[in-house]
């Protein structure tokens, strides 16, 4: 699994992904972590099949006892079906996820981890002196969905928004936005159901200062490509069961 430090200051943002050994029919995912001096937050830590390589990769950056928090943006198995294994490995950790999904996420196994329900209007995850904002992104694509924003690092973890389905070995960042569009179009039109929810999200996100937009699948956007993506997404008709 490839480990990429996407922010290094008084604390770190780390991306784990591009696993060349993942099973062929398993969707490729990006896992993220925020590492402070004494704590580590795992963001959408992945499916059950990725638990072993993900744990091994994270232990390069944080000992088990300092992995104190997990965040689930929504209920999909590609990002959180490993929960039962993390539950065994991190008995004193906390899981931050929508209160709406608790009865669903416990099906993955959640006996030891403390469940911290997120209200529909979001909230904050505090790690030492770092505060990560929980931003509502309901119906993009799940009915209870959240993204994360770090105003210090200027990183926005955008979940499935911005996702592209590509092979595991592609570069970490978008290199040519125009050519990247067709890798995103069908995914967004098919999986994002609400034009109204999209407009609410875009209005909110445009007010944030973002250097890196980091989705769950595919490449991250940086610099001017963040605005290019927002402009493209705003103009895209979504909620369509069509194929290109």
Foldseek 3Di string as FASTA:
>chain_A
DDWDFPDDDQWTKIKDWLDPPDDPPQFTWIWIWIGHPQAIETELQFALSCVVVSVVVVCVPHPLQRHAEYEYQDQDRGRQLNVQVNCVSRLRHEYEYAPVCPVPSCVSPHDRHHYDHAYQQWAWDDDPPFIKTWHFLAPQPHNGGTWIAGQVRQETEDEAQVAFGDRSNDDAADDDLVVCVVRCQVVFQARRADLVSLVVVLVVCVVGRHQWYHYTHDHIYGDPVVVVSSVVSNPHHHNDPDDD
